[in-house]
Amino acid sequence: MARTYQPPQAPLMRGFFMELMIMSTFLTPDEIRELTGIARGKAGKTREMLQAAALRTMKIPFYLNAVGRPIVTRHSIEGQAIPEVSTATWEPAFSHG
């Protein structure tokens, strides 16, 4: 029976790269803390409530996930250009007749 080559399995590395890929889409909680300057709640408000208010003040787009944590896309922070939508309109070709 012939054996085929099996690359070494590295479940930790696979998990690491998958986590890295997921983390690169959204800012981490530490990055949101650094961005807003808010590390803990105060005056009866949670950290997440204060961070959301700070993000609104900074006009940074975000949404709240199911547990109320502000989620910010990395794309909105890095300032990558958004492709412009073409404004060209279609006009019918009338026959010259």
C-alpha atoms as a PDB file:
ATOM      1  CA  MET A   1       0.000   0.000   0.000  1.00  0.00           C
ATOM      2  CA  ALA A   2       1.500   3.330  -1.113  1.00  0.00           C
ATOM      3  CA  ARG A   3       1.592   6.159   1.365  1.00  0.00           C
ATOM      4  CA  THR A   4       0.892   9.672   0.197  1.00  0.00           C
ATOM      5  CA  TYR A   5       2.646  12.663   1.661  1.00  0.00           C
ATOM      6  CA  GLN A   6       0.770  14.256   4.528  1.00  0.00           C
ATOM      7  CA  PRO A   7       2.002  17.708   5.554  1.00  0.00           C
ATOM      8  CA  PRO A   8       2.593  18.100   9.277  1.00  0.00           C
ATOM      9  CA  GLN A   9      -0.541  19.122  11.100  1.00  0.00           C
ATOM     10  CA  ALA A  10      -0.287  22.303  13.109  1.00  0.00           C
ATOM     11  CA  PRO A  11      -3.677  22.958  14.695  1.00  0.00           C
ATOM     12  CA  LEU A  12      -2.307  25.815  16.778  1.00  0.00           C
ATOM     13  CA  MET A  13      -0.864  27.550  13.735  1.00  0.00           C
ATOM     14  CA  ARG A  14      -4.055  27.019  11.763  1.00  0.00           C
ATOM     15  CA  GLY A  15      -6.038  28.533  14.633  1.00  0.00           C
ATOM     16  CA  PHE A  16      -3.560  31.387  14.909  1.00  0.00           C
ATOM     17  CA  PHE A  17      -3.840  32.294  11.232  1.00  0.00           C
ATOM     18  CA  MET A  18      -7.617  32.046  11.278  1.00  0.00           C
ATOM     19  CA  GLU A  19      -7.729  34.271  14.357  1.00  0.00           C
ATOM     20  CA  LEU A  20      -5.304  36.709  12.740  1.00  0.00           C
ATOM     21  CA  MET A  21      -7.466  36.837   9.617  1.00  0.00           C
ATOM     22  CA  ILE A  22     -10.601  37.501  11.683  1.00  0.00           C
ATOM     23  CA  MET A  23      -8.854  40.050  13.881  1.00  0.00           C
ATOM     24  CA  SER A  24      -7.586  41.980  10.898  1.00  0.00           C
ATOM     25  CA  THR A  25     -11.163  42.785   9.825  1.00  0.00           C
ATOM     26  CA  PHE A  26     -12.193  44.452  13.088  1.00  0.00           C
ATOM     27  CA  LEU A  27     -10.341  46.408  15.749  1.00  0.00           C
ATOM     28  CA  THR A  28      -9.588  44.442  18.897  1.00  0.00           C
ATOM     29  CA  PRO A  29     -11.013  45.553  22.260  1.00  0.00           C
ATOM     30  CA  ASP A  30      -7.524  46.829  23.164  1.00  0.00           C
ATOM     31  CA  GLU A  31      -7.372  48.882  19.963  1.00  0.00           C
ATOM     32  CA  ILE A  32     -10.805  50.375  20.673  1.00  0.00           C
ATOM     33  CA  ARG A  33      -9.635  51.181  24.206  1.00  0.00           C
ATOM     34  CA  GLU A  34      -6.553  52.899  22.810  1.00  0.00           C
ATOM     35  CA  LEU A  35      -8.553  54.746  20.154  1.00  0.00           C
ATOM     36  CA  THR A  36     -11.179  56.069  22.576  1.00  0.00           C
ATOM     37  CA  GLY A  37      -8.960  56.388  25.640  1.00  0.00           C
ATOM     38  CA  ILE A  38     -11.632  54.619  27.710  1.00  0.00           C
ATOM     39  CA  ALA A  39     -10.528  51.553  29.663  1.00  0.00           C
ATOM     40  CA  ARG A  40     -13.280  51.282  32.293  1.00  0.00           C
ATOM     41  CA  GLY A  41     -16.764  52.519  33.018  1.00  0.00           C
ATOM     42  CA  LYS A  42     -17.653  55.320  35.403  1.00  0.00           C
ATOM     43  CA  ALA A  43     -20.628  57.317  36.665  1.00  0.00           C
ATOM     44  CA  GLY A  44     -22.928  54.311  36.302  1.00  0.00           C
ATOM     45  CA  LYS A  45     -22.044  53.739  32.643  1.00  0.00           C
ATOM     46  CA  THR A  46     -20.248  50.705  31.271  1.00  0.00           C
ATOM     47  CA  ARG A  47     -16.976  50.910  29.388  1.00  0.00           C
ATOM     48  CA  GLU A  48     -18.825  49.922  26.209  1.00  0.00           C
ATOM     49  CA  MET A  49     -21.401  52.717  26.625  1.00  0.00           C
ATOM     50  CA  LEU A  50     -18.645  55.297  27.079  1.00  0.00           C
ATOM     51  CA  GLN A  51     -16.638  53.921  24.143  1.00  0.00           C
ATOM     52  CA  ALA A  52     -19.726  54.054  21.895  1.00  0.00           C
ATOM     53  CA  ALA A  53     -20.339  57.681  22.907  1.00  0.00           C
ATOM     54  CA  ALA A  54     -16.695  58.546  22.168  1.00  0.00           C
ATOM     55  CA  LEU A  55     -16.861  56.850  18.751  1.00  0.00           C
ATOM     56  CA  ARG A  56     -20.047  58.818  17.937  1.00  0.00           C
ATOM     57  CA  THR A  57     -18.297  62.059  18.947  1.00  0.00           C
ATOM     58  CA  MET A  58     -15.339  61.167  16.702  1.00  0.00           C
ATOM     59  CA  LYS A  59     -17.783  60.273  13.885  1.00  0.00           C
ATOM     60  CA  ILE A  60     -16.230  56.822  13.531  1.00  0.00           C
ATOM     61  CA  PRO A  61     -18.723  54.306  12.134  1.00  0.00           C
ATOM     62  CA  PHE A  62     -19.381  51.327  14.395  1.00  0.00           C
ATOM     63  CA  TYR A  63     -22.116  48.963  15.456  1.00  0.00           C
ATOM     64  CA  LEU A  64     -22.897  47.288  18.738  1.00  0.00           C
ATOM     65  CA  ASN A  65     -22.700  43.508  18.803  1.00  0.00           C
ATOM     66  CA  ALA A  66     -25.121  41.244  20.684  1.00  0.00           C
ATOM     67  CA  VAL A  67     -23.426  41.900  24.038  1.00  0.00           C
ATOM     68  CA  GLY A  68     -23.236  45.675  23.538  1.00  0.00           C
ATOM     69  CA  ARG A  69     -19.557  45.931  22.593  1.00  0.00           C
ATOM     70  CA  PRO A  70     -18.729  48.532  19.912  1.00  0.00           C
ATOM     71  CA  ILE A  71     -17.379  46.913  16.744  1.00  0.00           C
ATOM     72  CA  VAL A  72     -15.246  49.053  14.416  1.00  0.00           C
ATOM     73  CA  THR A  73     -14.013  47.868  11.037  1.00  0.00           C
ATOM     74  CA  ARG A  74     -10.324  48.311  10.424  1.00  0.00           C
ATOM     75  CA  HIS A  75     -11.194  49.683   6.983  1.00  0.00           C
ATOM     76  CA  SER A  76     -12.977  52.698   8.515  1.00  0.00           C
ATOM     77  CA  ILE A  77      -9.890  53.596  10.573  1.00  0.00           C
ATOM     78  CA  GLU A  78      -7.168  53.002   8.006  1.00  0.00           C
ATOM     79  CA  GLY A  79      -8.694  55.513   5.625  1.00  0.00           C
ATOM     80  CA  GLN A  80      -8.658  53.389   2.505  1.00  0.00           C
ATOM     81  CA  ALA A  81     -10.391  55.041  -0.394  1.00  0.00           C
ATOM     82  CA  ILE A  82     -13.914  53.861  -1.116  1.00  0.00           C
ATOM     83  CA  PRO A  83     -14.394  53.208  -4.833  1.00  0.00           C
ATOM     84  CA  GLU A  84     -16.464  55.930  -6.427  1.00  0.00           C
ATOM     85  CA  VAL A  85     -19.736  54.837  -7.971  1.00  0.00           C
ATOM     86  CA  SER A  86     -20.041  55.713 -11.634  1.00  0.00           C
ATOM     87  CA  THR A  87     -22.598  58.437 -12.328  1.00  0.00           C
ATOM     88  CA  ALA A  88     -22.846  57.676 -16.038  1.00  0.00           C
ATOM     89  CA  THR A  89     -26.404  57.135 -17.172  1.00  0.00           C
ATOM     90  CA  TRP A  90     -27.699  55.005 -19.974  1.00  0.00           C
ATOM     91  CA  GLU A  91     -29.260  56.728 -22.968  1.00  0.00           C
ATOM     92  CA  PRO A  92     -31.050  54.835 -25.726  1.00  0.00           C
ATOM     93  CA  ALA A  93     -29.667  55.040 -29.251  1.00  0.00           C
ATOM     94  CA  PHE A  94     -32.470  56.421 -31.416  1.00  0.00           C
ATOM     95  CA  SER A  95     -32.421  55.615 -35.101  1.00  0.00           C
ATOM     96  CA  HIS A  96     -31.892  58.545 -37.439  1.00  0.00           C
ATOM     97  CA  GLY A  97     -34.732  58.053 -39.635  1.00  0.00           C
END
